[in-house]
Amino acid sequence: MRAEAEALDADEFEVEWLEVLPPILQRRFAGGLRHPGDGALHPARWVRRLAHHAAAAGAEIREHSAVGSLDELDAPHVVIATDGYGQGLVPELDEIIRPTRGQVVVTEPLGELLFTCPHYARRGYDYWQQLPDRRLVYGGKRDSALENEWTAEEGVTEAVQRQIEEAIEELVVARPSIAQRWSGIWGTTADELPLVGRIPGRDGTWVAAGYSGHGNVLGFAAGELVAAAIAGDEPPELALFDPKRLLERSLQG
């Protein structure tokens, strides 16, 4: 983590090394990083606002109308941008993008505000934040049953939910009542880098997916890269995320 802090600082990201953690974290962790400029967003409001801007720009949004095959589409360009939900449209992508499930709970309000900013630990296998009304949102623990969490099936499981509740109890020294439980799906690649660009052997078919849990940021970057390439101006950054790197490895395997 010290090396990460030094690397971020060298690249001019704002980062602070925490030698002494707040008392509530000292029972579980020996040190930490703080990113002063980071924050959290409300995903439902986020996607609705994005849809509003897309529609205002002329996009036609069709809901409840799943595409069963690319042969159904009549368009010069098609972009597969469904991340963990795109199974079945392009078989070769199914081999290299693994649907991945993350489970989450939100508690009833705690007695006091213990966490004033979002937290994550263990390379993202644990993450939590406390809302202004003092409810605690906690997600993760999928590594406790990893093979069962490589799935596009939305739902929660007893094994992971039990681990989450135990983690909350260890963190706040109490087991508050759980108000809601849910899960979400994303796509993961073998090298944890997204797939962005042309799909080899498929004219006019592109991919922007496989964000490995970082889609809120990488999704925008990937969209800009693909849009520029479709418009005839291929950015050099596309080479970093070329789908061929994993497709060729899959075919060789």
Protein backbone atom coordinates (compact mmCIF):
# COMPACT_ATOMS: atom_id res chain seq x y z
CA MET A 1 0.00 0.00 0.00
CA ARG A 2 2.95 2.34 0.61
CA ALA A 3 4.18 1.56 -2.90
CA GLU A 4 0.71 2.34 -4.24
CA ALA A 5 0.69 5.66 -2.41
CA GLU A 6 4.10 6.55 -3.82
CA ALA A 7 3.04 5.60 -7.36
CA LEU A 8 -0.15 7.66 -7.12
CA ASP A 9 1.79 10.63 -5.78
CA ALA A 10 4.35 10.33 -8.59
CA ASP A 11 1.49 10.49 -11.13
CA GLU A 12 0.11 13.58 -9.33
CA PHE A 13 -2.96 11.95 -7.82
CA GLU A 14 -3.93 13.41 -4.47
CA VAL A 15 -3.31 10.71 -1.83
CA GLU A 16 -2.56 10.60 1.88
CA TRP A 17 -0.85 7.76 3.75
CA LEU A 18 -2.58 7.11 7.10
CA GLU A 19 -0.04 5.88 9.62
CA VAL A 20 -2.63 6.02 12.40
CA LEU A 21 -6.14 4.92 11.54
CA PRO A 22 -9.33 6.03 13.28
CA PRO A 23 -9.96 3.84 16.36
CA ILE A 24 -12.88 1.99 14.77
CA LEU A 25 -10.56 0.70 12.00
CA GLN A 26 -7.55 -0.17 14.14
CA ARG A 27 -8.96 -3.53 15.22
CA ARG A 28 -8.89 -4.82 11.63
CA PHE A 29 -6.35 -2.78 9.67
CA ALA A 30 -2.73 -1.69 10.11
CA GLY A 31 -2.66 1.24 7.70
CA GLY A 32 -4.53 2.90 4.90
CA LEU A 33 -4.70 5.41 2.09
CA ARG A 34 -7.04 8.36 1.83
CA HIS A 35 -8.09 9.87 -1.49
CA PRO A 36 -9.43 13.35 -0.63
CA GLY A 37 -10.97 13.89 -4.06
CA ASP A 38 -12.91 10.62 -4.19
CA GLY A 39 -16.62 10.32 -3.57
CA ALA A 40 -19.69 8.17 -4.04
CA LEU A 41 -22.67 8.43 -6.35
CA HIS A 42 -26.26 7.16 -6.37
CA PRO A 43 -26.24 4.62 -9.23
CA ALA A 44 -29.95 4.80 -10.08
CA ARG A 45 -29.93 8.60 -10.29
CA TRP A 46 -26.67 8.39 -12.24
CA VAL A 47 -28.00 6.09 -14.96
CA ARG A 48 -31.29 7.99 -15.25
CA ARG A 49 -29.44 11.26 -15.74
CA LEU A 50 -27.18 9.68 -18.35
CA ALA A 51 -30.25 8.35 -20.15
CA HIS A 52 -31.79 11.84 -20.07
CA HIS A 53 -28.70 13.34 -21.71
CA ALA A 54 -28.55 10.54 -24.29
CA ALA A 55 -32.18 11.02 -25.23
CA ALA A 56 -31.71 14.79 -25.45
CA ALA A 57 -28.83 14.18 -27.85
CA GLY A 58 -31.06 12.07 -30.12
CA ALA A 59 -30.56 8.50 -28.87
CA GLU A 60 -33.56 6.18 -28.96
CA ILE A 61 -33.79 4.08 -25.81
CA ARG A 62 -35.79 0.86 -26.01
CA GLU A 63 -36.68 -0.87 -22.77
CA HIS A 64 -38.07 -4.40 -22.34
CA SER A 65 -36.85 -5.31 -25.82
CA ALA A 66 -33.91 -7.68 -25.42
CA VAL A 67 -31.73 -8.39 -28.44
CA GLY A 68 -31.55 -12.15 -28.94
CA SER A 69 -29.11 -12.12 -31.84
CA LEU A 70 -26.98 -9.58 -33.70
CA ASP A 71 -28.73 -10.76 -36.87
CA GLU A 72 -31.84 -8.93 -35.62
CA LEU A 73 -30.08 -5.57 -35.93
CA ASP A 74 -29.84 -3.43 -39.05
CA ALA A 75 -27.05 -0.96 -38.36
CA PRO A 76 -23.61 -0.19 -39.83
CA HIS A 77 -22.07 -0.40 -36.34
CA VAL A 78 -23.05 -2.32 -33.21
CA VAL A 79 -21.32 -1.80 -29.85
CA ILE A 80 -21.56 -4.56 -27.24
CA ALA A 81 -21.51 -2.45 -24.08
CA THR A 82 -23.46 -4.56 -21.62
CA ASP A 83 -20.45 -5.56 -19.49
CA GLY A 84 -21.59 -8.57 -17.39
CA TYR A 85 -25.00 -8.93 -19.05
CA GLY A 86 -23.98 -9.53 -22.68
CA GLN A 87 -23.84 -13.31 -22.69
CA GLY A 88 -25.05 -15.04 -25.85
CA LEU A 89 -24.61 -12.26 -28.41
CA VAL A 90 -20.95 -12.84 -29.32
CA PRO A 91 -19.76 -16.33 -28.29
CA GLU A 92 -16.08 -15.41 -28.37
CA LEU A 93 -16.70 -12.61 -25.86
CA ASP A 94 -18.48 -15.07 -23.59
CA GLU A 95 -15.18 -16.92 -23.28
CA ILE A 96 -13.23 -13.92 -21.99
CA ILE A 97 -15.75 -11.81 -20.02
CA ARG A 98 -16.90 -13.54 -16.84
CA PRO A 99 -20.15 -12.30 -15.29
CA THR A 100 -19.37 -11.46 -11.68
CA ARG A 101 -21.85 -10.97 -8.85
CA GLY A 102 -21.42 -8.58 -5.94
CA GLN A 103 -23.75 -8.79 -2.94
CA VAL A 104 -24.71 -5.85 -0.73
CA VAL A 105 -26.78 -5.08 2.36
CA VAL A 106 -28.01 -1.90 3.99
CA THR A 107 -28.70 -1.85 7.73
CA GLU A 108 -31.21 0.04 9.79
CA PRO A 109 -29.76 3.35 11.09
CA LEU A 110 -26.87 2.94 13.52
CA GLY A 111 -26.79 4.87 16.78
CA GLU A 112 -24.13 7.29 15.55
CA LEU A 113 -22.24 8.36 12.45
CA LEU A 114 -19.09 6.21 12.44
CA PHE A 115 -17.88 6.63 8.85
CA THR A 116 -17.82 10.03 7.17
CA CYS A 117 -16.61 8.82 3.76
CA PRO A 118 -16.72 5.67 1.59
CA HIS A 119 -14.23 2.90 2.48
CA TYR A 120 -12.89 -0.15 0.72
CA ALA A 121 -10.41 -2.83 1.74
CA ARG A 122 -8.80 -6.08 0.58
CA ARG A 123 -8.47 -4.94 -3.03
CA GLY A 124 -12.19 -4.21 -3.20
CA TYR A 125 -13.45 -7.44 -1.67
CA ASP A 126 -14.93 -5.29 1.13
CA TYR A 127 -16.50 -1.87 0.71
CA TRP A 128 -18.83 0.21 2.85
CA GLN A 129 -20.19 3.66 3.51
CA GLN A 130 -22.58 5.19 6.00
CA LEU A 131 -25.42 7.31 4.65
CA PRO A 132 -26.47 10.65 6.17
CA ASP A 133 -29.37 8.92 7.94
CA ARG A 134 -26.74 6.64 9.60
CA ARG A 135 -27.67 3.48 7.67
CA LEU A 136 -24.61 1.40 6.80
CA VAL A 137 -24.23 0.05 3.25
CA TYR A 138 -21.79 -2.88 3.14
CA GLY A 139 -20.86 -5.05 0.18
CA GLY A 140 -18.34 -7.67 -0.77
CA LYS A 141 -17.17 -10.99 0.73
CA ARG A 142 -17.66 -12.72 -2.60
CA ASP A 143 -14.22 -14.31 -2.18
CA SER A 144 -15.70 -16.42 0.61
CA ALA A 145 -17.59 -18.38 -2.07
CA LEU A 146 -15.86 -17.23 -5.23
CA GLU A 147 -16.85 -20.01 -7.61
CA ASN A 148 -20.54 -19.38 -6.90
CA GLU A 149 -20.17 -15.66 -7.61
CA TRP A 150 -18.98 -16.06 -11.22
CA THR A 151 -22.57 -15.75 -12.42
CA ALA A 152 -25.00 -13.41 -14.16
CA GLU A 153 -27.83 -14.54 -11.88
CA GLU A 154 -29.05 -11.72 -9.69
CA GLY A 155 -29.83 -12.80 -6.17
CA VAL A 156 -28.25 -13.20 -2.76
CA THR A 157 -26.86 -16.31 -1.08
CA GLU A 158 -26.85 -17.37 2.54
CA ALA A 159 -23.09 -18.00 2.59
CA VAL A 160 -22.02 -14.54 1.40
CA GLN A 161 -24.73 -12.71 3.32
CA ARG A 162 -23.61 -14.40 6.54
CA GLN A 163 -20.03 -13.30 5.89
CA ILE A 164 -21.19 -9.72 5.30
CA GLU A 165 -23.18 -9.66 8.54
CA GLU A 166 -20.20 -11.03 10.48
CA ALA A 167 -17.93 -8.39 8.94
CA ILE A 168 -20.35 -5.65 9.99
CA GLU A 169 -20.46 -7.03 13.51
CA GLU A 170 -16.66 -7.07 13.70
CA LEU A 171 -16.46 -3.55 12.32
CA VAL A 172 -19.03 -1.79 14.48
CA VAL A 173 -19.11 -4.24 17.43
CA ALA A 174 -22.83 -4.80 16.95
CA ARG A 175 -25.09 -6.68 14.60
CA PRO A 176 -27.70 -4.16 13.41
CA SER A 177 -30.89 -5.24 11.67
CA ILE A 178 -30.64 -5.59 7.90
CA ALA A 179 -33.11 -3.43 6.00
CA GLN A 180 -32.41 -4.63 2.44
CA ARG A 181 -30.26 -7.11 0.53
CA TRP A 182 -29.43 -7.12 -3.18
CA SER A 183 -26.79 -7.95 -5.76
CA GLY A 184 -25.36 -6.52 -8.97
CA ILE A 185 -23.50 -7.98 -11.95
CA TRP A 186 -20.37 -6.75 -13.72
CA GLY A 187 -17.96 -8.26 -16.22
CA THR A 188 -14.42 -9.34 -15.32
CA THR A 189 -11.51 -10.11 -17.64
CA ALA A 190 -8.45 -12.28 -16.98
CA ASP A 191 -6.09 -9.29 -16.77
CA GLU A 192 -8.72 -7.00 -15.18
CA LEU A 193 -8.43 -4.50 -18.05
CA PRO A 194 -11.45 -3.68 -20.23
CA LEU A 195 -12.00 -4.85 -23.78
CA VAL A 196 -12.38 -1.82 -26.04
CA GLY A 197 -12.35 -1.79 -29.84
CA ARG A 198 -13.20 -3.88 -32.89
CA ILE A 199 -14.15 -7.52 -32.47
CA PRO A 200 -11.89 -9.42 -34.90
CA GLY A 201 -13.71 -11.10 -37.77
CA ARG A 202 -16.94 -9.17 -37.27
CA ASP A 203 -17.30 -6.12 -39.50
CA GLY A 204 -18.90 -3.17 -37.74
CA THR A 205 -19.08 -4.92 -34.37
CA TRP A 206 -17.32 -3.33 -31.42
CA VAL A 207 -17.00 -4.00 -27.71
CA ALA A 208 -16.70 -1.78 -24.66
CA ALA A 209 -16.97 -4.07 -21.63
CA GLY A 210 -15.08 -6.13 -19.06
CA TYR A 211 -14.48 -3.27 -16.63
CA SER A 212 -13.74 -5.63 -13.73
CA GLY A 213 -15.58 -3.52 -11.18
CA HIS A 214 -14.45 -0.06 -12.36
CA GLY A 215 -17.07 0.74 -14.97
CA ASN A 216 -18.23 4.09 -13.63
CA VAL A 217 -14.91 5.61 -14.63
CA LEU A 218 -13.63 3.29 -17.35
CA GLY A 219 -17.02 3.14 -19.09
CA PHE A 220 -16.79 6.80 -20.08
CA ALA A 221 -13.23 6.44 -21.33
CA ALA A 222 -14.13 3.30 -23.31
CA GLY A 223 -17.18 4.97 -24.84
CA GLU A 224 -15.13 7.93 -26.02
CA LEU A 225 -12.48 5.65 -27.55
CA VAL A 226 -15.01 3.54 -29.47
CA ALA A 227 -16.99 6.58 -30.61
CA ALA A 228 -13.84 8.22 -31.95
CA ALA A 229 -12.84 5.04 -33.77
CA ILE A 230 -16.28 4.63 -35.37
CA ALA A 231 -16.08 8.26 -36.51
CA GLY A 232 -12.79 7.45 -38.25
CA ASP A 233 -10.25 8.79 -35.79
CA GLU A 234 -8.78 5.85 -33.89
CA PRO A 235 -7.04 7.03 -30.70
CA PRO A 236 -3.71 5.33 -29.90
CA GLU A 237 -5.06 4.34 -26.46
CA LEU A 238 -7.23 1.70 -28.15
CA ALA A 239 -4.13 -0.47 -28.46
CA LEU A 240 -4.02 -0.79 -24.65
CA PHE A 241 -7.45 -2.45 -24.52
CA ASP A 242 -7.55 -4.30 -27.88
CA PRO A 243 -9.82 -7.38 -27.50
CA LYS A 244 -7.36 -9.39 -29.59
CA ARG A 245 -5.00 -9.75 -26.63
CA LEU A 246 -7.45 -12.04 -24.80
CA LEU A 247 -9.30 -13.49 -27.80
CA GLU A 248 -6.08 -14.87 -29.26
CA ARG A 249 -5.12 -16.34 -25.88
CA SER A 250 -8.56 -17.96 -25.60
CA LEU A 251 -8.29 -19.53 -29.04
CA GLN A 252 -4.81 -20.84 -28.27
CA GLY A 253 -6.04 -22.33 -25.01
